[in-house]
C-alpha atoms as a PDB file:
ATOM      1  CA  UNK A   1     129.557  55.916  64.467  1.00  0.00           C
ATOM      2  CA  UNK A   2     129.479  58.208  61.534  1.00  0.00           C
ATOM      3  CA  UNK A   3     126.896  58.259  58.720  1.00  0.00           C
ATOM      4  CA  UNK A   4     128.091  56.588  55.667  1.00  0.00           C
ATOM      5  CA  UNK A   5     127.463  56.584  52.223  1.00  0.00           C
ATOM      6  CA  UNK A   6     127.681  53.373  50.025  1.00  0.00           C
ATOM      7  CA  UNK A   7     128.630  53.765  46.184  1.00  0.00           C
ATOM      8  CA  UNK A   8     128.086  51.209  43.498  1.00  0.00           C
ATOM      9  CA  UNK A   9     129.026  51.745  40.085  1.00  0.00           C
ATOM     10  CA  UNK A  10     127.399  49.566  37.543  1.00  0.00           C
ATOM     11  CA  UNK A  11     127.377  48.894  33.841  1.00  0.00           C
ATOM     12  CA  UNK A  12     124.822  46.532  32.325  1.00  0.00           C
ATOM     13  CA  UNK A  13     124.848  44.644  35.559  1.00  0.00           C
ATOM     14  CA  UNK A  14     120.992  44.460  36.138  1.00  0.00           C
ATOM     15  CA  UNK A  15     121.328  40.680  37.018  1.00  0.00           C
ATOM     16  CA  UNK A  16     124.233  41.337  39.437  1.00  0.00           C
ATOM     17  CA  UNK A  17     122.184  44.041  41.326  1.00  0.00           C
ATOM     18  CA  UNK A  18     119.207  41.847  41.746  1.00  0.00           C
ATOM     19  CA  UNK A  19     121.248  39.138  43.267  1.00  0.00           C
ATOM     20  CA  UNK A  20     123.841  41.260  45.521  1.00  0.00           C
ATOM     21  CA  UNK A  21     121.999  44.472  46.197  1.00  0.00           C
ATOM     22  CA  UNK A  22     119.768  42.787  48.915  1.00  0.00           C
ATOM     23  CA  UNK A  23     123.079  41.870  51.011  1.00  0.00           C
ATOM     24  CA  UNK A  24     124.027  45.878  50.607  1.00  0.00           C
ATOM     25  CA  UNK A  25     120.454  46.714  51.828  1.00  0.00           C
ATOM     26  CA  UNK A  26     120.761  44.372  54.472  1.00  0.00           C
ATOM     27  CA  UNK A  27     123.947  45.706  55.794  1.00  0.00           C
ATOM     28  CA  UNK A  28     123.316  49.096  55.435  1.00  0.00           C
ATOM     29  CA  UNK A  29     119.796  48.773  57.353  1.00  0.00           C
ATOM     30  CA  UNK A  30     122.019  46.929  60.307  1.00  0.00           C
ATOM     31  CA  UNK A  31     124.514  49.837  60.713  1.00  0.00           C
ATOM     32  CA  UNK A  32     121.760  52.557  60.555  1.00  0.00           C
ATOM     33  CA  UNK A  33     120.177  50.616  63.562  1.00  0.00           C
ATOM     34  CA  UNK A  34     123.004  50.182  65.403  1.00  0.00           C
ATOM     35  CA  UNK A  35     124.802  53.533  64.713  1.00  0.00           C
ATOM     36  CA  UNK A  36     121.623  55.594  64.911  1.00  0.00           C
ATOM     37  CA  UNK A  37     122.925  57.425  61.838  1.00  0.00           C
ATOM     38  CA  UNK A  38     121.795  57.480  58.118  1.00  0.00           C
ATOM     39  CA  UNK A  39     123.270  55.457  55.124  1.00  0.00           C
ATOM     40  CA  UNK A  40     122.867  56.330  51.746  1.00  0.00           C
ATOM     41  CA  UNK A  41     122.980  53.830  48.972  1.00  0.00           C
ATOM     42  CA  UNK A  42     124.177  55.587  45.813  1.00  0.00           C
ATOM     43  CA  UNK A  43     123.995  53.503  42.402  1.00  0.00           C
ATOM     44  CA  UNK A  44     126.108  55.022  39.590  1.00  0.00           C
ATOM     45  CA  UNK A  45     124.506  53.776  36.517  1.00  0.00           C
ATOM     46  CA  UNK A  46     127.399  53.851  33.564  1.00  0.00           C
ATOM     47  CA  UNK A  47     124.972  54.058  30.827  1.00  0.00           C
ATOM     48  CA  UNK A  48     123.498  50.816  31.065  1.00  0.00           C
ATOM     49  CA  UNK A  49     121.123  49.503  28.248  1.00  0.00           C
ATOM     50  CA  UNK A  50     119.811  46.707  30.435  1.00  0.00           C
ATOM     51  CA  UNK A  51     116.925  48.687  32.187  1.00  0.00           C
ATOM     52  CA  UNK A  52     118.852  49.337  35.494  1.00  0.00           C
ATOM     53  CA  UNK A  53     117.164  52.796  35.708  1.00  0.00           C
ATOM     54  CA  UNK A  54     113.728  51.472  35.422  1.00  0.00           C
ATOM     55  CA  UNK A  55     114.337  48.515  38.040  1.00  0.00           C
ATOM     56  CA  UNK A  56     116.080  50.600  40.513  1.00  0.00           C
ATOM     57  CA  UNK A  57     112.988  52.850  40.504  1.00  0.00           C
ATOM     58  CA  UNK A  58     110.638  49.923  41.201  1.00  0.00           C
ATOM     59  CA  UNK A  59     112.942  49.241  44.080  1.00  0.00           C
ATOM     60  CA  UNK A  60     112.662  52.891  45.638  1.00  0.00           C
ATOM     61  CA  UNK A  61     115.736  54.403  44.353  1.00  0.00           C
ATOM     62  CA  UNK A  62     115.224  58.065  43.558  1.00  0.00           C
ATOM     63  CA  UNK A  63     117.570  60.415  41.576  1.00  0.00           C
ATOM     64  CA  UNK A  64     120.203  61.922  43.497  1.00  0.00           C
ATOM     65  CA  UNK A  65     119.876  65.491  44.282  1.00  0.00           C
ATOM     66  CA  UNK A  66     122.719  67.739  45.384  1.00  0.00           C
ATOM     67  CA  UNK A  67     124.938  66.592  48.235  1.00  0.00           C
ATOM     68  CA  UNK A  68     122.574  67.177  51.319  1.00  0.00           C
ATOM     69  CA  UNK A  69     123.363  65.070  54.303  1.00  0.00           C
ATOM     70  CA  UNK A  70     120.345  64.478  56.382  1.00  0.00           C
ATOM     71  CA  UNK A  71     119.400  63.604  60.035  1.00  0.00           C
ATOM     72  CA  UNK A  72     118.621  59.828  60.632  1.00  0.00           C
ATOM     73  CA  UNK A  73     114.967  58.943  60.212  1.00  0.00           C
ATOM     74  CA  UNK A  74     114.080  55.850  62.244  1.00  0.00           C
ATOM     75  CA  UNK A  75     111.416  54.965  59.750  1.00  0.00           C
ATOM     76  CA  UNK A  76     113.709  55.219  56.768  1.00  0.00           C
ATOM     77  CA  UNK A  77     117.312  55.337  57.838  1.00  0.00           C
ATOM     78  CA  UNK A  78     118.518  54.171  54.549  1.00  0.00           C
ATOM     79  CA  UNK A  79     118.243  56.479  51.557  1.00  0.00           C
ATOM     80  CA  UNK A  80     118.243  55.042  48.271  1.00  0.00           C
ATOM     81  CA  UNK A  81     119.479  57.164  45.307  1.00  0.00           C
ATOM     82  CA  UNK A  82     120.954  56.652  41.857  1.00  0.00           C
ATOM     83  CA  UNK A  83     122.685  58.603  38.947  1.00  0.00           C
ATOM     84  CA  UNK A  84     122.893  57.805  35.435  1.00  0.00           C
ATOM     85  CA  UNK A  85     126.169  58.723  33.240  1.00  0.00           C
ATOM     86  CA  UNK A  86     125.035  60.136  29.690  1.00  0.00           C
ATOM     87  CA  UNK A  87     127.749  57.850  28.227  1.00  0.00           C
ATOM     88  CA  UNK A  88     129.862  54.951  29.296  1.00  0.00           C
ATOM     89  CA  UNK A  89     132.479  56.689  31.216  1.00  0.00           C
ATOM     90  CA  UNK A  90     134.522  53.760  33.054  1.00  0.00           C
ATOM     91  CA  UNK A  91     134.756  52.261  36.493  1.00  0.00           C
ATOM     92  CA  UNK A  92     137.180  55.301  37.747  1.00  0.00           C
ATOM     93  CA  UNK A  93     134.912  58.213  36.486  1.00  0.00           C
ATOM     94  CA  UNK A  94     132.009  56.549  37.654  1.00  0.00           C
ATOM     95  CA  UNK A  95     133.262  56.231  40.980  1.00  0.00           C
ATOM     96  CA  UNK A  96     134.674  59.679  41.112  1.00  0.00           C
ATOM     97  CA  UNK A  97     131.053  60.819  40.451  1.00  0.00           C
ATOM     98  CA  UNK A  98     129.548  58.734  42.980  1.00  0.00           C
ATOM     99  CA  UNK A  99     132.064  59.999  45.611  1.00  0.00           C
ATOM    100  CA  UNK A 100     131.434  63.683  44.570  1.00  0.00           C
ATOM    101  CA  UNK A 101     127.749  62.941  44.939  1.00  0.00           C
ATOM    102  CA  UNK A 102     127.902  61.133  48.102  1.00  0.00           C
ATOM    103  CA  UNK A 103     126.078  62.662  51.142  1.00  0.00           C
ATOM    104  CA  UNK A 104     128.220  61.436  53.733  1.00  0.00           C
ATOM    105  CA  UNK A 105     131.845  61.742  54.700  1.00  0.00           C
ATOM    106  CA  UNK A 106     132.709  58.137  54.837  1.00  0.00           C
ATOM    107  CA  UNK A 107     132.013  56.165  51.460  1.00  0.00           C
ATOM    108  CA  UNK A 108     131.795  52.210  51.325  1.00  0.00           C
ATOM    109  CA  UNK A 109     132.724  51.459  47.708  1.00  0.00           C
ATOM    110  CA  UNK A 110     131.416  48.202  46.401  1.00  0.00           C
ATOM    111  CA  UNK A 111     131.409  46.179  43.126  1.00  0.00           C
ATOM    112  CA  UNK A 112     127.761  45.401  41.776  1.00  0.00           C
ATOM    113  CA  UNK A 113     129.133  41.714  42.051  1.00  0.00           C
ATOM    114  CA  UNK A 114     130.010  41.793  45.892  1.00  0.00           C
ATOM    115  CA  UNK A 115     127.780  40.169  48.766  1.00  0.00           C
ATOM    116  CA  UNK A 116     128.776  42.139  52.086  1.00  0.00           C
ATOM    117  CA  UNK A 117     128.195  40.695  55.336  1.00  0.00           C
ATOM    118  CA  UNK A 118     125.375  42.121  57.537  1.00  0.00           C
ATOM    119  CA  UNK A 119     127.954  43.252  60.157  1.00  0.00           C
ATOM    120  CA  UNK A 120     130.820  44.568  57.876  1.00  0.00           C
ATOM    121  CA  UNK A 121     130.490  48.410  57.787  1.00  0.00           C
ATOM    122  CA  UNK A 122     131.122  49.030  61.529  1.00  0.00           C
ATOM    123  CA  UNK A 123     134.395  47.458  61.848  1.00  0.00           C
ATOM    124  CA  UNK A 124     135.532  49.475  58.695  1.00  0.00           C
ATOM    125  CA  UNK A 125     134.131  52.750  59.933  1.00  0.00           C
ATOM    126  CA  UNK A 126     135.803  52.542  63.338  1.00  0.00           C
ATOM    127  CA  UNK A 127     139.136  53.221  61.871  1.00  0.00           C
ATOM    128  CA  UNK A 128     138.462  56.586  60.824  1.00  0.00           C
ATOM    129  CA  UNK A 129     138.657  58.125  64.129  1.00  0.00           C
ATOM    130  CA  UNK A 130     142.315  58.322  63.446  1.00  0.00           C
ATOM    131  CA  UNK A 131     143.053  61.286  60.959  1.00  0.00           C
ATOM    132  CA  UNK A 132     145.690  59.654  58.781  1.00  0.00           C
ATOM    133  CA  UNK A 133     143.324  56.968  57.898  1.00  0.00           C
ATOM    134  CA  UNK A 134     142.732  57.360  53.921  1.00  0.00           C
ATOM    135  CA  UNK A 135     140.966  53.570  53.376  1.00  0.00           C
ATOM    136  CA  UNK A 136     140.205  50.455  54.885  1.00  0.00           C
ATOM    137  CA  UNK A 137     139.376  47.213  52.668  1.00  0.00           C
ATOM    138  CA  UNK A 138     137.451  43.971  53.701  1.00  0.00           C
ATOM    139  CA  UNK A 139     138.391  40.517  53.819  1.00  0.00           C
ATOM    140  CA  UNK A 140     137.006  39.120  50.461  1.00  0.00           C
ATOM    141  CA  UNK A 141     136.311  35.752  49.493  1.00  0.00           C
ATOM    142  CA  UNK A 142     135.799  34.149  45.915  1.00  0.00           C
ATOM    143  CA  UNK A 143     132.341  33.077  45.616  1.00  0.00           C
ATOM    144  CA  UNK A 144     133.133  30.279  43.120  1.00  0.00           C
ATOM    145  CA  UNK A 145     135.723  28.485  45.041  1.00  0.00           C
ATOM    146  CA  UNK A 146     135.603  30.145  48.368  1.00  0.00           C
ATOM    147  CA  UNK A 147     139.280  31.023  48.406  1.00  0.00           C
ATOM    148  CA  UNK A 148     140.597  33.931  49.961  1.00  0.00           C
ATOM    149  CA  UNK A 149     141.173  36.578  47.242  1.00  0.00           C
ATOM    150  CA  UNK A 150     141.401  39.814  49.493  1.00  0.00           C
ATOM    151  CA  UNK A 151     143.540  40.183  52.409  1.00  0.00           C
ATOM    152  CA  UNK A 152     146.327  42.322  53.592  1.00  0.00           C
ATOM    153  CA  UNK A 153     148.858  43.504  50.902  1.00  0.00           C
ATOM    154  CA  UNK A 154     152.410  43.806  51.138  1.00  0.00           C
ATOM    155  CA  UNK A 155     154.323  46.388  49.041  1.00  0.00           C
ATOM    156  CA  UNK A 156     157.959  45.771  47.827  1.00  0.00           C
ATOM    157  CA  UNK A 157     160.049  46.115  44.705  1.00  0.00           C
ATOM    158  CA  UNK A 158     161.783  43.585  42.726  1.00  0.00           C
ATOM    159  CA  UNK A 159     162.969  42.881  39.121  1.00  0.00           C
ATOM    160  CA  UNK A 160     162.119  46.389  38.306  1.00  0.00           C
ATOM    161  CA  UNK A 161     158.466  46.597  39.357  1.00  0.00           C
ATOM    162  CA  UNK A 162     156.320  47.621  42.356  1.00  0.00           C
ATOM    163  CA  UNK A 163     154.955  44.484  43.753  1.00  0.00           C
ATOM    164  CA  UNK A 164     151.596  44.933  45.877  1.00  0.00           C
ATOM    165  CA  UNK A 165     149.715  41.735  45.691  1.00  0.00           C
ATOM    166  CA  UNK A 166     151.880  39.483  48.067  1.00  0.00           C
ATOM    167  CA  UNK A 167     149.254  39.092  50.910  1.00  0.00           C
ATOM    168  CA  UNK A 168     148.818  38.271  54.527  1.00  0.00           C
ATOM    169  CA  UNK A 169     146.467  37.463  57.212  1.00  0.00           C
ATOM    170  CA  UNK A 170     146.556  37.682  61.295  1.00  0.00           C
ATOM    171  CA  UNK A 171     148.665  34.951  62.788  1.00  0.00           C
ATOM    172  CA  UNK A 172     147.071  32.016  64.216  1.00  0.00           C
ATOM    173  CA  UNK A 173     149.963  31.828  66.670  1.00  0.00           C
ATOM    174  CA  UNK A 174     148.952  31.753  70.402  1.00  0.00           C
ATOM    175  CA  UNK A 175     150.141  35.005  72.333  1.00  0.00           C
ATOM    176  CA  UNK A 176     150.884  36.695  68.855  1.00  0.00           C
ATOM    177  CA  UNK A 177     150.028  40.301  69.286  1.00  0.00           C
ATOM    178  CA  UNK A 178     150.471  43.228  66.576  1.00  0.00           C
ATOM    179  CA  UNK A 179     152.390  46.089  67.389  1.00  0.00           C
ATOM    180  CA  UNK A 180     151.188  47.997  64.612  1.00  0.00           C
ATOM    181  CA  UNK A 181     147.869  48.614  62.524  1.00  0.00           C
ATOM    182  CA  UNK A 182     147.343  46.176  59.678  1.00  0.00           C
ATOM    183  CA  UNK A 183     148.753  48.185  56.829  1.00  0.00           C
ATOM    184  CA  UNK A 184     147.663  47.295  53.405  1.00  0.00           C
ATOM    185  CA  UNK A 185     149.440  48.281  50.158  1.00  0.00           C
ATOM    186  CA  UNK A 186     146.003  49.125  48.454  1.00  0.00           C
ATOM    187  CA  UNK A 187     142.435  48.987  49.004  1.00  0.00           C
ATOM    188  CA  UNK A 188     140.463  46.953  46.453  1.00  0.00           C
ATOM    189  CA  UNK A 189     137.939  49.278  44.996  1.00  0.00           C
ATOM    190  CA  UNK A 190     135.250  46.140  45.249  1.00  0.00           C
ATOM    191  CA  UNK A 191     134.820  46.287  48.940  1.00  0.00           C
ATOM    192  CA  UNK A 192     136.720  49.270  50.737  1.00  0.00           C
ATOM    193  CA  UNK A 193     135.804  52.198  52.657  1.00  0.00           C
ATOM    194  CA  UNK A 194     137.285  55.628  52.049  1.00  0.00           C
ATOM    195  CA  UNK A 195     137.280  59.194  53.478  1.00  0.00           C
ATOM    196  CA  UNK A 196     135.557  61.046  50.967  1.00  0.00           C
ATOM    197  CA  UNK A 197     137.456  64.518  51.701  1.00  0.00           C
ATOM    198  CA  UNK A 198     140.762  62.867  51.226  1.00  0.00           C
ATOM    199  CA  UNK A 199     139.652  61.068  48.283  1.00  0.00           C
ATOM    200  CA  UNK A 200     138.601  64.306  46.699  1.00  0.00           C
ATOM    201  CA  UNK A 201     141.697  66.194  47.873  1.00  0.00           C
ATOM    202  CA  UNK A 202     143.787  63.667  45.958  1.00  0.00           C
ATOM    203  CA  UNK A 203     141.921  64.034  43.050  1.00  0.00           C
ATOM    204  CA  UNK A 204     140.018  60.867  43.077  1.00  0.00           C
ATOM    205  CA  UNK A 205     140.582  57.772  40.843  1.00  0.00           C
ATOM    206  CA  UNK A 206     143.381  58.621  38.009  1.00  0.00           C
ATOM    207  CA  UNK A 207     141.783  59.308  34.818  1.00  0.00           C
ATOM    208  CA  UNK A 208     144.846  58.534  32.770  1.00  0.00           C
ATOM    209  CA  UNK A 209     143.866  54.571  33.882  1.00  0.00           C
ATOM    210  CA  UNK A 210     140.473  54.984  32.074  1.00  0.00           C
ATOM    211  CA  UNK A 211     138.366  52.651  31.311  1.00  0.00           C
ATOM    212  CA  UNK A 212     139.618  50.065  33.976  1.00  0.00           C
ATOM    213  CA  UNK A 213     142.411  48.347  36.120  1.00  0.00           C
ATOM    214  CA  UNK A 214     144.925  49.601  38.414  1.00  0.00           C
ATOM    215  CA  UNK A 215     142.680  52.496  39.615  1.00  0.00           C
ATOM    216  CA  UNK A 216     142.767  51.288  43.136  1.00  0.00           C
ATOM    217  CA  UNK A 217     146.336  50.187  43.258  1.00  0.00           C
ATOM    218  CA  UNK A 218     147.349  53.652  41.890  1.00  0.00           C
ATOM    219  CA  UNK A 219     145.094  55.923  44.125  1.00  0.00           C
ATOM    220  CA  UNK A 220     146.233  53.964  47.403  1.00  0.00           C
ATOM    221  CA  UNK A 221     149.783  54.113  46.282  1.00  0.00           C
ATOM    222  CA  UNK A 222     149.332  58.085  45.832  1.00  0.00           C
ATOM    223  CA  UNK A 223     147.629  58.114  49.238  1.00  0.00           C
ATOM    224  CA  UNK A 224     150.437  56.547  50.934  1.00  0.00           C
ATOM    225  CA  UNK A 225     153.159  58.787  49.469  1.00  0.00           C
ATOM    226  CA  UNK A 226     150.951  61.729  50.540  1.00  0.00           C
ATOM    227  CA  UNK A 227     151.202  60.656  54.218  1.00  0.00           C
ATOM    228  CA  UNK A 228     148.147  58.869  54.534  1.00  0.00           C
ATOM    229  CA  UNK A 229     147.330  55.015  55.336  1.00  0.00           C
ATOM    230  CA  UNK A 230     145.605  52.257  54.125  1.00  0.00           C
ATOM    231  CA  UNK A 231     144.344  49.570  56.504  1.00  0.00           C
ATOM    232  CA  UNK A 232     142.902  45.805  56.235  1.00  0.00           C
ATOM    233  CA  UNK A 233     140.144  44.831  58.394  1.00  0.00           C
ATOM    234  CA  UNK A 234     139.545  41.144  58.513  1.00  0.00           C
ATOM    235  CA  UNK A 235     136.739  41.263  60.556  1.00  0.00           C
ATOM    236  CA  UNK A 236     134.640  42.995  57.709  1.00  0.00           C
ATOM    237  CA  UNK A 237     133.838  40.101  55.301  1.00  0.00           C
ATOM    238  CA  UNK A 238     132.634  40.110  51.724  1.00  0.00           C
ATOM    239  CA  UNK A 239     132.262  37.615  48.946  1.00  0.00           C
ATOM    240  CA  UNK A 240     132.985  38.452  45.276  1.00  0.00           C
ATOM    241  CA  UNK A 241     131.816  36.913  42.012  1.00  0.00           C
ATOM    242  CA  UNK A 242     135.431  37.851  40.411  1.00  0.00           C
ATOM    243  CA  UNK A 243     135.417  39.824  37.009  1.00  0.00           C
ATOM    244  CA  UNK A 244     131.741  39.779  36.593  1.00  0.00           C
ATOM    245  CA  UNK A 245     131.584  42.883  34.370  1.00  0.00           C
ATOM    246  CA  UNK A 246     135.269  42.356  32.781  1.00  0.00           C
ATOM    247  CA  UNK A 247     134.438  39.133  31.764  1.00  0.00           C
ATOM    248  CA  UNK A 248     131.930  40.369  29.112  1.00  0.00           C
ATOM    249  CA  UNK A 249     134.727  42.096  27.420  1.00  0.00           C
ATOM    250  CA  UNK A 250     137.464  40.882  24.937  1.00  0.00           C
ATOM    251  CA  UNK A 251     139.989  39.356  26.925  1.00  0.00           C
ATOM    252  CA  UNK A 252     142.952  40.293  24.867  1.00  0.00           C
ATOM    253  CA  UNK A 253     141.939  44.088  24.891  1.00  0.00           C
ATOM    254  CA  UNK A 254     141.503  43.941  28.592  1.00  0.00           C
ATOM    255  CA  UNK A 255     144.936  42.315  29.003  1.00  0.00           C
ATOM    256  CA  UNK A 256     146.361  45.312  27.017  1.00  0.00           C
ATOM    257  CA  UNK A 257     144.703  47.868  29.099  1.00  0.00           C
ATOM    258  CA  UNK A 258     145.683  46.219  32.290  1.00  0.00           C
ATOM    259  CA  UNK A 259     149.395  46.230  31.132  1.00  0.00           C
ATOM    260  CA  UNK A 260     149.431  49.627  29.818  1.00  0.00           C
ATOM    261  CA  UNK A 261     148.153  50.939  33.115  1.00  0.00           C
ATOM    262  CA  UNK A 262     150.738  48.885  35.117  1.00  0.00           C
ATOM    263  CA  UNK A 263     153.380  50.963  33.255  1.00  0.00           C
ATOM    264  CA  UNK A 264     151.571  54.132  33.741  1.00  0.00           C
ATOM    265  CA  UNK A 265     151.481  53.461  37.499  1.00  0.00           C
ATOM    266  CA  UNK A 266     155.014  53.039  37.537  1.00  0.00           C
ATOM    267  CA  UNK A 267     155.701  56.113  35.341  1.00  0.00           C
ATOM    268  CA  UNK A 268     154.033  58.449  37.469  1.00  0.00           C
ATOM    269  CA  UNK A 269     154.958  57.271  40.844  1.00  0.00           C
ATOM    270  CA  UNK A 270     158.391  55.485  40.828  1.00  0.00           C
ATOM    271  CA  UNK A 271     160.449  58.335  41.866  1.00  0.00           C
ATOM    272  CA  UNK A 272     163.702  56.823  43.284  1.00  0.00           C
ATOM    273  CA  UNK A 273     166.197  57.076  40.644  1.00  0.00           C
ATOM    274  CA  UNK A 274     168.065  53.655  41.173  1.00  0.00           C
ATOM    275  CA  UNK A 275     164.738  51.919  41.254  1.00  0.00           C
ATOM    276  CA  UNK A 276     163.458  53.730  38.250  1.00  0.00           C
ATOM    277  CA  UNK A 277     166.737  53.047  36.488  1.00  0.00           C
ATOM    278  CA  UNK A 278     165.973  49.162  37.500  1.00  0.00           C
ATOM    279  CA  UNK A 279     162.522  49.379  36.067  1.00  0.00           C
ATOM    280  CA  UNK A 280     163.437  50.724  32.758  1.00  0.00           C
ATOM    281  CA  UNK A 281     166.017  48.042  32.574  1.00  0.00           C
ATOM    282  CA  UNK A 282     163.781  45.290  33.197  1.00  0.00           C
ATOM    283  CA  UNK A 283     161.257  46.916  30.914  1.00  0.00           C
ATOM    284  CA  UNK A 284     163.681  46.924  28.054  1.00  0.00           C
ATOM    285  CA  UNK A 285     164.307  43.333  28.561  1.00  0.00           C
ATOM    286  CA  UNK A 286     160.719  42.511  28.610  1.00  0.00           C
ATOM    287  CA  UNK A 287     160.136  44.433  25.307  1.00  0.00           C
ATOM    288  CA  UNK A 288     162.893  42.629  23.365  1.00  0.00           C
ATOM    289  CA  UNK A 289     161.926  38.933  24.769  1.00  0.00           C
ATOM    290  CA  UNK A 290     158.274  39.573  24.238  1.00  0.00           C
ATOM    291  CA  UNK A 291     158.160  37.636  20.987  1.00  0.00           C
ATOM    292  CA  UNK A 292     160.175  34.759  22.453  1.00  0.00           C
ATOM    293  CA  UNK A 293     157.695  34.878  25.360  1.00  0.00           C
ATOM    294  CA  UNK A 294     154.880  34.703  23.055  1.00  0.00           C
ATOM    295  CA  UNK A 295     153.501  37.839  24.166  1.00  0.00           C
ATOM    296  CA  UNK A 296     153.417  40.419  21.286  1.00  0.00           C
ATOM    297  CA  UNK A 297     150.502  42.070  23.074  1.00  0.00           C
ATOM    298  CA  UNK A 298     152.821  43.440  25.554  1.00  0.00           C
ATOM    299  CA  UNK A 299     154.604  45.383  22.727  1.00  0.00           C
ATOM    300  CA  UNK A 300     150.888  46.767  22.034  1.00  0.00           C
ATOM    301  CA  UNK A 301     150.418  47.882  25.825  1.00  0.00           C
ATOM    302  CA  UNK A 302     154.092  49.676  25.786  1.00  0.00           C
ATOM    303  CA  UNK A 303     153.255  51.618  22.475  1.00  0.00           C
ATOM    304  CA  UNK A 304     149.852  52.644  24.214  1.00  0.00           C
ATOM    305  CA  UNK A 305     151.828  53.835  27.270  1.00  0.00           C
ATOM    306  CA  UNK A 306     154.379  55.779  25.411  1.00  0.00           C
ATOM    307  CA  UNK A 307     151.685  57.514  23.362  1.00  0.00           C
ATOM    308  CA  UNK A 308     150.414  58.849  26.574  1.00  0.00           C
ATOM    309  CA  UNK A 309     153.818  59.980  27.874  1.00  0.00           C
ATOM    310  CA  UNK A 310     153.316  63.760  27.637  1.00  0.00           C
ATOM    311  CA  UNK A 311     150.344  63.578  29.966  1.00  0.00           C
ATOM    312  CA  UNK A 312     152.096  60.927  32.177  1.00  0.00           C
ATOM    313  CA  UNK A 313     155.048  62.997  32.984  1.00  0.00           C
ATOM    314  CA  UNK A 314     153.075  66.014  33.922  1.00  0.00           C
ATOM    315  CA  UNK A 315     151.375  63.916  36.403  1.00  0.00           C
ATOM    316  CA  UNK A 316     154.710  62.474  37.567  1.00  0.00           C
ATOM    317  CA  UNK A 317     155.617  66.217  38.060  1.00  0.00           C
ATOM    318  CA  UNK A 318     152.660  66.743  40.519  1.00  0.00           C
ATOM    319  CA  UNK A 319     153.040  63.619  42.364  1.00  0.00           C
ATOM    320  CA  UNK A 320     156.782  64.234  42.944  1.00  0.00           C
ATOM    321  CA  UNK A 321     156.133  67.562  44.202  1.00  0.00           C
ATOM    322  CA  UNK A 322     153.225  66.375  46.627  1.00  0.00           C
ATOM    323  CA  UNK A 323     155.043  63.554  48.065  1.00  0.00           C
ATOM    324  CA  UNK A 324     155.860  63.261  51.321  1.00  0.00           C
ATOM    325  CA  UNK A 325     157.095  59.645  51.562  1.00  0.00           C
ATOM    326  CA  UNK A 326     159.638  58.220  49.311  1.00  0.00           C
ATOM    327  CA  UNK A 327     159.299  54.939  47.656  1.00  0.00           C
ATOM    328  CA  UNK A 328     162.064  53.203  49.828  1.00  0.00           C
ATOM    329  CA  UNK A 329     160.202  54.562  52.858  1.00  0.00           C
ATOM    330  CA  UNK A 330     156.869  53.136  51.817  1.00  0.00           C
ATOM    331  CA  UNK A 331     158.643  49.710  51.416  1.00  0.00           C
ATOM    332  CA  UNK A 332     160.489  50.008  54.612  1.00  0.00           C
ATOM    333  CA  UNK A 333     156.678  50.316  56.236  1.00  0.00           C
ATOM    334  CA  UNK A 334     155.743  46.713  54.685  1.00  0.00           C
ATOM    335  CA  UNK A 335     159.283  45.324  55.393  1.00  0.00           C
ATOM    336  CA  UNK A 336     158.633  46.084  59.000  1.00  0.00           C
ATOM    337  CA  UNK A 337     155.021  44.593  58.775  1.00  0.00           C
ATOM    338  CA  UNK A 338     156.416  41.246  57.436  1.00  0.00           C
ATOM    339  CA  UNK A 339     158.666  40.935  60.569  1.00  0.00           C
ATOM    340  CA  UNK A 340     155.503  41.264  62.900  1.00  0.00           C
ATOM    341  CA  UNK A 341     154.847  37.816  64.748  1.00  0.00           C
ATOM    342  CA  UNK A 342     151.159  38.761  64.673  1.00  0.00           C
ATOM    343  CA  UNK A 343     150.837  38.148  61.012  1.00  0.00           C
ATOM    344  CA  UNK A 344     151.367  35.453  58.423  1.00  0.00           C
ATOM    345  CA  UNK A 345     152.828  36.556  54.961  1.00  0.00           C
ATOM    346  CA  UNK A 346     152.035  34.302  52.053  1.00  0.00           C
ATOM    347  CA  UNK A 347     152.342  34.533  48.066  1.00  0.00           C
ATOM    348  CA  UNK A 348     150.114  31.344  47.636  1.00  0.00           C
ATOM    349  CA  UNK A 349     146.356  30.265  48.516  1.00  0.00           C
ATOM    350  CA  UNK A 350     147.805  26.919  49.244  1.00  0.00           C
ATOM    351  CA  UNK A 351     150.097  28.366  52.217  1.00  0.00           C
ATOM    352  CA  UNK A 352     146.794  29.233  54.143  1.00  0.00           C
ATOM    353  CA  UNK A 353     145.393  25.772  54.615  1.00  0.00           C
ATOM    354  CA  UNK A 354     145.375  25.954  58.524  1.00  0.00           C
ATOM    355  CA  UNK A 355     144.561  29.508  58.619  1.00  0.00           C
ATOM    356  CA  UNK A 356     141.282  30.278  60.444  1.00  0.00           C
ATOM    357  CA  UNK A 357     141.189  33.816  58.248  1.00  0.00           C
ATOM    358  CA  UNK A 358     141.313  31.763  54.861  1.00  0.00           C
ATOM    359  CA  UNK A 359     137.686  30.484  55.582  1.00  0.00           C
ATOM    360  CA  UNK A 360     134.370  32.599  55.021  1.00  0.00           C
END
């Protein structure tokens, strides 16, 4: 099994690191012992003001140097590093810096509010023997209500928008055997492993989406259209205290950015002319009805996205030129997966009552 770097972005999350970092240390040590390869844990401190850096130093973390992969040391198989941004850069930029600084070719990206199971790293890493694999994500449960919030995602297009949140789990049916990999529309940035070289080749998380939201969806869609694959690995399990950092921010402002980024994602990547026309028609309808639907903030999101249009169109031209897979071909991949008797598609958690995969 290959060496792994674990990248954890954090912003004023000292309390979260104190609670959740021990699970990452345990999982990293377990993998290092079993694989006989080193693991690096790299914390990216996004200009925190809560003494994160001082605390990390007391835990044995040292400032990261240039990317220098090292041989496994049986006495210290887990290397502890951190870097600090001079100013608050946001989630995507912090992750990009962590990937660039990471010592190893596989990078496990974990939120600072995620507890990962001790045996979760190896099931993710095994998939990267296949050269087309870009990312593999965990099965994730909500810490508060124990509901499954991270499973396989099924991409489709309806009512003018790309849908990436319909989900699936492996089927319980006896004898059901999948004839294809467990593809997923996107690898959630909270608990997923990436091929670092492919990540950097693609340019990392999109800077137009700064400071947060839709980065992982956009990057995964970009990877799919470039000819790579994203997978779901149910044997790798994590637990997430959902939105611990975002909850500290003004929620109306968060909603505006989230919807702005959703539009930017479509304008960069939706290249099929008929699907794009459908998107624009539905978007016009949503704009006209926003006041009636009591969502005037949607107009603010649209305005912010339109102001970024020159940069968005420039990125669109780049992605159209680089894409190897069409939108419809990508949706066909997931249409075929929906027909696989070895998976159970669902739209709502309540549909999973009898599934063993819906329990931690």
